[in-house]
Amino acid sequence: MCYIYVKNVIDAGGHDVSWVNTMPQLILECVSLLLRDLDEEKARDLPAAHRAALLRRRNEYRDEKFQFLHYFAGTLVRVVGQYLT
């Protein structure tokens, strides 16, 4: 949650940013950041040609990745919630 807030502050250029109101919104925000940041991190130390190719391919199967991570995150929240109650 802290990472999402800080990322939003950096992107907005100030601390007055909107925040998520529900758990599903938080999960969707985490999934989106995970997909975007993982691809950027993978490309970080690659030569320019490899980085360009990877970043071009990163949108392949984006919907499938998003659906899987959304399912996984939701399942994880439910399972952890069961153990905490």
PDB file of N, CA and C in Angstrom:
ATOM      1  N   MET A   1       0.823  -1.182   0.000  1.00  0.00           N
ATOM      2  CA  MET A   1       0.000   0.000   0.000  1.00  0.00           C
ATOM      3  C   MET A   1       0.866   1.244   0.000  1.00  0.00           C
ATOM      4  N   CYS A   2       1.948   1.201   0.755  1.00  0.00           N
ATOM      5  CA  CYS A   2       2.852   2.350   0.803  1.00  0.00           C
ATOM      6  C   CYS A   2       3.460   2.609  -0.568  1.00  0.00           C
ATOM      7  N   TYR A   3       3.842   1.564  -1.254  1.00  0.00           N
ATOM      8  CA  TYR A   3       4.439   1.717  -2.572  1.00  0.00           C
ATOM      9  C   TYR A   3       3.457   2.386  -3.526  1.00  0.00           C
ATOM     10  N   ILE A   4       2.204   1.961  -3.490  1.00  0.00           N
ATOM     11  CA  ILE A   4       1.186   2.540  -4.363  1.00  0.00           C
ATOM     12  C   ILE A   4       1.032   4.025  -4.061  1.00  0.00           C
ATOM     13  N   TYR A   5       0.968   4.375  -2.784  1.00  0.00           N
ATOM     14  CA  TYR A   5       0.822   5.779  -2.409  1.00  0.00           C
ATOM     15  C   TYR A   5       2.023   6.594  -2.894  1.00  0.00           C
ATOM     16  N   VAL A   6       3.219   6.110  -2.622  1.00  0.00           N
ATOM     17  CA  VAL A   6       4.427   6.842  -3.022  1.00  0.00           C
ATOM     18  C   VAL A   6       4.501   6.968  -4.538  1.00  0.00           C
ATOM     19  N   LYS A   7       4.179   5.905  -5.252  1.00  0.00           N
ATOM     20  CA  LYS A   7       4.185   5.948  -6.718  1.00  0.00           C
ATOM     21  C   LYS A   7       3.199   7.002  -7.226  1.00  0.00           C
ATOM     22  N   ASN A   8       2.018   7.056  -6.626  1.00  0.00           N
ATOM     23  CA  ASN A   8       1.028   8.062  -7.019  1.00  0.00           C
ATOM     24  C   ASN A   8       1.510   9.470  -6.710  1.00  0.00           C
ATOM     25  N   VAL A   9       2.169   9.659  -5.570  1.00  0.00           N
ATOM     26  CA  VAL A   9       2.709  10.969  -5.201  1.00  0.00           C
ATOM     27  C   VAL A   9       3.782  11.402  -6.189  1.00  0.00           C
ATOM     28  N   ILE A  10       4.668  10.480  -6.543  1.00  0.00           N
ATOM     29  CA  ILE A  10       5.737  10.797  -7.498  1.00  0.00           C
ATOM     30  C   ILE A  10       5.143  11.144  -8.859  1.00  0.00           C
ATOM     31  N   ASP A  11       4.190  10.334  -9.310  1.00  0.00           N
ATOM     32  CA  ASP A  11       3.567  10.585 -10.614  1.00  0.00           C
ATOM     33  C   ASP A  11       2.808  11.908 -10.642  1.00  0.00           C
ATOM     34  N   ALA A  12       2.151  12.251  -9.527  1.00  0.00           N
ATOM     35  CA  ALA A  12       1.354  13.480  -9.471  1.00  0.00           C
ATOM     36  C   ALA A  12       2.199  14.706  -9.153  1.00  0.00           C
ATOM     37  N   GLY A  13       3.383  14.497  -8.594  1.00  0.00           N
ATOM     38  CA  GLY A  13       4.238  15.621  -8.233  1.00  0.00           C
ATOM     39  C   GLY A  13       3.814  16.317  -6.954  1.00  0.00           C
ATOM     40  N   GLY A  14       3.012  15.667  -6.139  1.00  0.00           N
ATOM     41  CA  GLY A  14       2.573  16.239  -4.866  1.00  0.00           C
ATOM     42  C   GLY A  14       1.871  15.207  -4.016  1.00  0.00           C
ATOM     43  N   HIS A  15       1.688  15.527  -2.746  1.00  0.00           N
ATOM     44  CA  HIS A  15       1.123  14.552  -1.813  1.00  0.00           C
ATOM     45  C   HIS A  15      -0.401  14.480  -1.828  1.00  0.00           C
ATOM     46  N   ASP A  16      -1.053  15.399  -2.522  1.00  0.00           N
ATOM     47  CA  ASP A  16      -2.516  15.435  -2.559  1.00  0.00           C
ATOM     48  C   ASP A  16      -3.010  14.540  -3.702  1.00  0.00           C
ATOM     49  N   VAL A  17      -3.011  13.236  -3.458  1.00  0.00           N
ATOM     50  CA  VAL A  17      -3.433  12.269  -4.475  1.00  0.00           C
ATOM     51  C   VAL A  17      -4.653  11.510  -3.978  1.00  0.00           C
ATOM     52  N   SER A  18      -5.455  11.036  -4.945  1.00  0.00           N
ATOM     53  CA  SER A  18      -6.612  10.229  -4.550  1.00  0.00           C
ATOM     54  C   SER A  18      -6.128   8.850  -4.114  1.00  0.00           C
ATOM     55  N   TRP A  19      -6.842   8.245  -3.233  1.00  0.00           N
ATOM     56  CA  TRP A  19      -6.454   6.967  -2.656  1.00  0.00           C
ATOM     57  C   TRP A  19      -7.546   5.954  -2.928  1.00  0.00           C
ATOM     58  N   VAL A  20      -7.224   4.689  -2.887  1.00  0.00           N
ATOM     59  CA  VAL A  20      -8.222   3.650  -3.127  1.00  0.00           C
ATOM     60  C   VAL A  20      -9.198   3.601  -1.954  1.00  0.00           C
ATOM     61  N   ASN A  21     -10.447   3.269  -2.268  1.00  0.00           N
ATOM     62  CA  ASN A  21     -11.483   3.247  -1.240  1.00  0.00           C
ATOM     63  C   ASN A  21     -11.899   1.843  -0.823  1.00  0.00           C
ATOM     64  N   THR A  22     -11.617   0.858  -1.682  1.00  0.00           N
ATOM     65  CA  THR A  22     -12.057  -0.501  -1.384  1.00  0.00           C
ATOM     66  C   THR A  22     -10.915  -1.488  -1.616  1.00  0.00           C
ATOM     67  N   MET A  23     -11.067  -2.656  -1.068  1.00  0.00           N
ATOM     68  CA  MET A  23     -10.070  -3.700  -1.246  1.00  0.00           C
ATOM     69  C   MET A  23      -9.940  -4.104  -2.719  1.00  0.00           C
ATOM     70  N   PRO A  24     -11.041  -4.269  -3.465  1.00  0.00           N
ATOM     71  CA  PRO A  24     -10.869  -4.583  -4.892  1.00  0.00           C
ATOM     72  C   PRO A  24     -10.093  -3.508  -5.653  1.00  0.00           C
ATOM     73  N   GLN A  25     -10.304  -2.237  -5.334  1.00  0.00           N
ATOM     74  CA  GLN A  25      -9.530  -1.178  -5.979  1.00  0.00           C
ATOM     75  C   GLN A  25      -8.051  -1.317  -5.656  1.00  0.00           C
ATOM     76  N   LEU A  26      -7.744  -1.642  -4.412  1.00  0.00           N
ATOM     77  CA  LEU A  26      -6.357  -1.827  -4.009  1.00  0.00           C
ATOM     78  C   LEU A  26      -5.725  -2.994  -4.758  1.00  0.00           C
ATOM     79  N   ILE A  27      -6.461  -4.082  -4.878  1.00  0.00           N
ATOM     80  CA  ILE A  27      -5.946  -5.253  -5.590  1.00  0.00           C
ATOM     81  C   ILE A  27      -5.684  -4.914  -7.055  1.00  0.00           C
ATOM     82  N   LEU A  28      -6.619  -4.235  -7.697  1.00  0.00           N
ATOM     83  CA  LEU A  28      -6.432  -3.869  -9.104  1.00  0.00           C
ATOM     84  C   LEU A  28      -5.245  -2.937  -9.286  1.00  0.00           C
ATOM     85  N   GLU A  29      -5.067  -2.010  -8.375  1.00  0.00           N
ATOM     86  CA  GLU A  29      -3.931  -1.090  -8.453  1.00  0.00           C
ATOM     87  C   GLU A  29      -2.613  -1.849  -8.283  1.00  0.00           C
ATOM     88  N   CYS A  30      -2.576  -2.779  -7.343  1.00  0.00           N
ATOM     89  CA  CYS A  30      -1.368  -3.590  -7.123  1.00  0.00           C
ATOM     90  C   CYS A  30      -1.043  -4.438  -8.347  1.00  0.00           C
ATOM     91  N   VAL A  31      -2.050  -5.050  -8.926  1.00  0.00           N
ATOM     92  CA  VAL A  31      -1.835  -5.890 -10.109  1.00  0.00           C
ATOM     93  C   VAL A  31      -1.297  -5.051 -11.259  1.00  0.00           C
ATOM     94  N   SER A  32      -1.882  -3.888 -11.486  1.00  0.00           N
ATOM     95  CA  SER A  32      -1.421  -3.020 -12.579  1.00  0.00           C
ATOM     96  C   SER A  32       0.025  -2.595 -12.371  1.00  0.00           C
ATOM     97  N   LEU A  33       0.362  -2.191 -11.162  1.00  0.00           N
ATOM     98  CA  LEU A  33       1.737  -1.796 -10.870  1.00  0.00           C
ATOM     99  C   LEU A  33       2.691  -2.963 -11.012  1.00  0.00           C
ATOM    100  N   LEU A  34       2.266  -4.129 -10.570  1.00  0.00           N
ATOM    101  CA  LEU A  34       3.109  -5.310 -10.665  1.00  0.00           C
ATOM    102  C   LEU A  34       3.437  -5.624 -12.116  1.00  0.00           C
ATOM    103  N   LEU A  35       2.431  -5.611 -12.968  1.00  0.00           N
ATOM    104  CA  LEU A  35       2.676  -5.892 -14.383  1.00  0.00           C
ATOM    105  C   LEU A  35       3.609  -4.864 -15.004  1.00  0.00           C
ATOM    106  N   ARG A  36       3.366  -3.602 -14.732  1.00  0.00           N
ATOM    107  CA  ARG A  36       4.164  -2.532 -15.331  1.00  0.00           C
ATOM    108  C   ARG A  36       5.590  -2.544 -14.776  1.00  0.00           C
ATOM    109  N   ASP A  37       5.740  -2.619 -13.466  1.00  0.00           N
ATOM    110  CA  ASP A  37       7.066  -2.549 -12.844  1.00  0.00           C
ATOM    111  C   ASP A  37       7.916  -3.779 -13.115  1.00  0.00           C
ATOM    112  N   LEU A  38       7.302  -4.954 -13.173  1.00  0.00           N
ATOM    113  CA  LEU A  38       8.075  -6.158 -13.474  1.00  0.00           C
ATOM    114  C   LEU A  38       8.687  -6.078 -14.858  1.00  0.00           C
ATOM    115  N   ASP A  39       7.921  -5.614 -15.821  1.00  0.00           N
ATOM    116  CA  ASP A  39       8.451  -5.492 -17.183  1.00  0.00           C
ATOM    117  C   ASP A  39       9.573  -4.469 -17.241  1.00  0.00           C
ATOM    118  N   GLU A  40       9.400  -3.337 -16.567  1.00  0.00           N
ATOM    119  CA  GLU A  40      10.443  -2.314 -16.571  1.00  0.00           C
ATOM    120  C   GLU A  40      11.708  -2.814 -15.873  1.00  0.00           C
ATOM    121  N   GLU A  41      11.553  -3.565 -14.796  1.00  0.00           N
ATOM    122  CA  GLU A  41      12.702  -4.093 -14.058  1.00  0.00           C
ATOM    123  C   GLU A  41      13.460  -5.125 -14.891  1.00  0.00           C
ATOM    124  N   LYS A  42      12.723  -5.975 -15.603  1.00  0.00           N
ATOM    125  CA  LYS A  42      13.374  -6.989 -16.441  1.00  0.00           C
ATOM    126  C   LYS A  42      14.224  -6.349 -17.529  1.00  0.00           C
ATOM    127  N   ALA A  43      13.806  -5.198 -18.021  1.00  0.00           N
ATOM    128  CA  ALA A  43      14.490  -4.553 -19.138  1.00  0.00           C
ATOM    129  C   ALA A  43      15.623  -3.641 -18.687  1.00  0.00           C
ATOM    130  N   ARG A  44      15.782  -3.443 -17.413  1.00  0.00           N
ATOM    131  CA  ARG A  44      16.696  -2.436 -16.877  1.00  0.00           C
ATOM    132  C   ARG A  44      18.132  -2.573 -17.366  1.00  0.00           C
ATOM    133  N   ASP A  45      18.722  -3.749 -17.291  1.00  0.00           N
ATOM    134  CA  ASP A  45      20.146  -3.920 -17.611  1.00  0.00           C
ATOM    135  C   ASP A  45      20.399  -4.537 -18.984  1.00  0.00           C
ATOM    136  N   LEU A  46      19.400  -4.587 -19.820  1.00  0.00           N
ATOM    137  CA  LEU A  46      19.563  -5.192 -21.138  1.00  0.00           C
ATOM    138  C   LEU A  46      20.161  -4.190 -22.123  1.00  0.00           C
ATOM    139  N   PRO A  47      20.863  -4.712 -23.135  1.00  0.00           N
ATOM    140  CA  PRO A  47      21.308  -3.827 -24.215  1.00  0.00           C
ATOM    141  C   PRO A  47      20.091  -3.181 -24.886  1.00  0.00           C
ATOM    142  N   ALA A  48      20.310  -2.069 -25.564  1.00  0.00           N
ATOM    143  CA  ALA A  48      19.210  -1.285 -26.129  1.00  0.00           C
ATOM    144  C   ALA A  48      18.294  -2.103 -27.037  1.00  0.00           C
ATOM    145  N   ALA A  49      18.856  -2.927 -27.908  1.00  0.00           N
ATOM    146  CA  ALA A  49      18.033  -3.714 -28.843  1.00  0.00           C
ATOM    147  C   ALA A  49      17.177  -4.733 -28.099  1.00  0.00           C
ATOM    148  N   HIS A  50      17.763  -5.407 -27.110  1.00  0.00           N
ATOM    149  CA  HIS A  50      17.010  -6.383 -26.320  1.00  0.00           C
ATOM    150  C   HIS A  50      15.926  -5.698 -25.491  1.00  0.00           C
ATOM    151  N   ARG A  51      16.257  -4.546 -24.926  1.00  0.00           N
ATOM    152  CA  ARG A  51      15.283  -3.796 -24.124  1.00  0.00           C
ATOM    153  C   ARG A  51      14.095  -3.399 -24.996  1.00  0.00           C
ATOM    154  N   ALA A  52      14.369  -2.895 -26.193  1.00  0.00           N
ATOM    155  CA  ALA A  52      13.292  -2.492 -27.099  1.00  0.00           C
ATOM    156  C   ALA A  52      12.407  -3.675 -27.468  1.00  0.00           C
ATOM    157  N   ALA A  53      13.025  -4.827 -27.737  1.00  0.00           N
ATOM    158  CA  ALA A  53      12.251  -6.019 -28.091  1.00  0.00           C
ATOM    159  C   ALA A  53      11.390  -6.479 -26.919  1.00  0.00           C
ATOM    160  N   LEU A  54      11.947  -6.483 -25.729  1.00  0.00           N
ATOM    161  CA  LEU A  54      11.191  -6.903 -24.555  1.00  0.00           C
ATOM    162  C   LEU A  54      10.026  -5.950 -24.289  1.00  0.00           C
ATOM    163  N   LEU A  55      10.272  -4.670 -24.375  1.00  0.00           N
ATOM    164  CA  LEU A  55       9.216  -3.702 -24.111  1.00  0.00           C
ATOM    165  C   LEU A  55       8.123  -3.746 -25.181  1.00  0.00           C
ATOM    166  N   ARG A  56       8.480  -4.130 -26.416  1.00  0.00           N
ATOM    167  CA  ARG A  56       7.468  -4.311 -27.454  1.00  0.00           C
ATOM    168  C   ARG A  56       6.601  -5.530 -27.149  1.00  0.00           C
ATOM    169  N   ARG A  57       7.234  -6.592 -26.639  1.00  0.00           N
ATOM    170  CA  ARG A  57       6.507  -7.832 -26.354  1.00  0.00           C
ATOM    171  C   ARG A  57       5.762  -7.799 -25.036  1.00  0.00           C
ATOM    172  N   ARG A  58       6.020  -6.824 -24.198  1.00  0.00           N
ATOM    173  CA  ARG A  58       5.427  -6.857 -22.860  1.00  0.00           C
ATOM    174  C   ARG A  58       3.912  -6.786 -22.862  1.00  0.00           C
ATOM    175  N   ASN A  59       3.335  -6.276 -23.928  1.00  0.00           N
ATOM    176  CA  ASN A  59       1.878  -6.212 -23.993  1.00  0.00           C
ATOM    177  C   ASN A  59       1.251  -7.498 -24.497  1.00  0.00           C
ATOM    178  N   GLU A  60       2.085  -8.458 -24.928  1.00  0.00           N
ATOM    179  CA  GLU A  60       1.534  -9.748 -25.313  1.00  0.00           C
ATOM    180  C   GLU A  60       0.942 -10.425 -24.080  1.00  0.00           C
ATOM    181  N   TYR A  61      -0.227 -10.958 -24.243  1.00  0.00           N
ATOM    182  CA  TYR A  61      -0.916 -11.675 -23.161  1.00  0.00           C
ATOM    183  C   TYR A  61      -1.175 -10.788 -21.949  1.00  0.00           C
ATOM    184  N   ARG A  62      -1.269  -9.468 -22.158  1.00  0.00           N
ATOM    185  CA  ARG A  62      -1.483  -8.566 -21.031  1.00  0.00           C
ATOM    186  C   ARG A  62      -2.794  -8.890 -20.305  1.00  0.00           C
ATOM    187  N   ASP A  63      -3.850  -9.152 -21.072  1.00  0.00           N
ATOM    188  CA  ASP A  63      -5.138  -9.475 -20.446  1.00  0.00           C
ATOM    189  C   ASP A  63      -5.054 -10.764 -19.641  1.00  0.00           C
ATOM    190  N   GLU A  64      -4.366 -11.771 -20.194  1.00  0.00           N
ATOM    191  CA  GLU A  64      -4.233 -13.034 -19.475  1.00  0.00           C
ATOM    192  C   GLU A  64      -3.416 -12.858 -18.191  1.00  0.00           C
ATOM    193  N   LYS A  65      -2.341 -12.085 -18.278  1.00  0.00           N
ATOM    194  CA  LYS A  65      -1.532 -11.817 -17.081  1.00  0.00           C
ATOM    195  C   LYS A  65      -2.363 -11.098 -16.040  1.00  0.00           C
ATOM    196  N   PHE A  66      -3.108 -10.094 -16.489  1.00  0.00           N
ATOM    197  CA  PHE A  66      -3.921  -9.310 -15.572  1.00  0.00           C
ATOM    198  C   PHE A  66      -4.985 -10.183 -14.904  1.00  0.00           C
ATOM    199  N   GLN A  67      -5.654 -11.022 -15.697  1.00  0.00           N
ATOM    200  CA  GLN A  67      -6.675 -11.900 -15.129  1.00  0.00           C
ATOM    201  C   GLN A  67      -6.080 -12.864 -14.111  1.00  0.00           C
ATOM    202  N   PHE A  68      -4.923 -13.453 -14.425  1.00  0.00           N
ATOM    203  CA  PHE A  68      -4.300 -14.372 -13.485  1.00  0.00           C
ATOM    204  C   PHE A  68      -3.901 -13.666 -12.204  1.00  0.00           C
ATOM    205  N   LEU A  69      -3.237 -12.519 -12.315  1.00  0.00           N
ATOM    206  CA  LEU A  69      -2.794 -11.815 -11.111  1.00  0.00           C
ATOM    207  C   LEU A  69      -3.967 -11.303 -10.300  1.00  0.00           C
ATOM    208  N   HIS A  70      -5.046 -10.894 -10.956  1.00  0.00           N
ATOM    209  CA  HIS A  70      -6.247 -10.465 -10.243  1.00  0.00           C
ATOM    210  C   HIS A  70      -6.827 -11.635  -9.453  1.00  0.00           C
ATOM    211  N   TYR A  71      -6.927 -12.794 -10.087  1.00  0.00           N
ATOM    212  CA  TYR A  71      -7.405 -13.996  -9.408  1.00  0.00           C
ATOM    213  C   TYR A  71      -6.486 -14.371  -8.239  1.00  0.00           C
ATOM    214  N   PHE A  72      -5.195 -14.369  -8.496  1.00  0.00           N
ATOM    215  CA  PHE A  72      -4.218 -14.752  -7.466  1.00  0.00           C
ATOM    216  C   PHE A  72      -4.271 -13.799  -6.275  1.00  0.00           C
ATOM    217  N   ALA A  73      -4.303 -12.493  -6.547  1.00  0.00           N
ATOM    218  CA  ALA A  73      -4.338 -11.511  -5.464  1.00  0.00           C
ATOM    219  C   ALA A  73      -5.623 -11.640  -4.659  1.00  0.00           C
ATOM    220  N   GLY A  74      -6.749 -11.799  -5.339  1.00  0.00           N
ATOM    221  CA  GLY A  74      -8.020 -11.949  -4.627  1.00  0.00           C
ATOM    222  C   GLY A  74      -8.047 -13.195  -3.773  1.00  0.00           C
ATOM    223  N   THR A  75      -7.531 -14.297  -4.307  1.00  0.00           N
ATOM    224  CA  THR A  75      -7.468 -15.546  -3.547  1.00  0.00           C
ATOM    225  C   THR A  75      -6.559 -15.389  -2.337  1.00  0.00           C
ATOM    226  N   LEU A  76      -5.433 -14.748  -2.523  1.00  0.00           N
ATOM    227  CA  LEU A  76      -4.496 -14.537  -1.424  1.00  0.00           C
ATOM    228  C   LEU A  76      -5.116 -13.698  -0.311  1.00  0.00           C
ATOM    229  N   VAL A  77      -5.834 -12.650  -0.678  1.00  0.00           N
ATOM    230  CA  VAL A  77      -6.488 -11.803   0.321  1.00  0.00           C
ATOM    231  C   VAL A  77      -7.516 -12.606   1.102  1.00  0.00           C
ATOM    232  N   ARG A  78      -8.307 -13.431   0.405  1.00  0.00           N
ATOM    233  CA  ARG A  78      -9.311 -14.253   1.097  1.00  0.00           C
ATOM    234  C   ARG A  78      -8.660 -15.260   2.039  1.00  0.00           C
ATOM    235  N   VAL A  79      -7.613 -15.927   1.579  1.00  0.00           N
ATOM    236  CA  VAL A  79      -6.943 -16.949   2.400  1.00  0.00           C
ATOM    237  C   VAL A  79      -6.301 -16.319   3.627  1.00  0.00           C
ATOM    238  N   VAL A  80      -5.594 -15.225   3.422  1.00  0.00           N
ATOM    239  CA  VAL A  80      -4.962 -14.544   4.557  1.00  0.00           C
ATOM    240  C   VAL A  80      -6.023 -14.033   5.521  1.00  0.00           C
ATOM    241  N   GLY A  81      -7.126 -13.511   4.980  1.00  0.00           N
ATOM    242  CA  GLY A  81      -8.216 -13.020   5.815  1.00  0.00           C
ATOM    243  C   GLY A  81      -8.798 -14.112   6.683  1.00  0.00           C
ATOM    244  N   GLN A  82      -8.890 -15.334   6.166  1.00  0.00           N
ATOM    245  CA  GLN A  82      -9.416 -16.461   6.938  1.00  0.00           C
ATOM    246  C   GLN A  82      -8.512 -16.797   8.113  1.00  0.00           C
ATOM    247  N   TYR A  83      -7.207 -16.690   7.919  1.00  0.00           N
ATOM    248  CA  TYR A  83      -6.259 -17.014   8.979  1.00  0.00           C
ATOM    249  C   TYR A  83      -6.189 -15.908  10.039  1.00  0.00           C
ATOM    250  N   LEU A  84      -6.524 -14.698   9.656  1.00  0.00           N
ATOM    251  CA  LEU A  84      -6.436 -13.581  10.595  1.00  0.00           C
ATOM    252  C   LEU A  84      -7.688 -13.446  11.465  1.00  0.00           C
ATOM    253  N   THR A  85      -8.780 -14.109  11.072  1.00  0.00           N
ATOM    254  CA  THR A  85     -10.007 -13.997  11.863  1.00  0.00           C
ATOM    255  C   THR A  85     -10.166 -15.138  12.805  1.00  0.00           C
TER     256      THR A  85
END
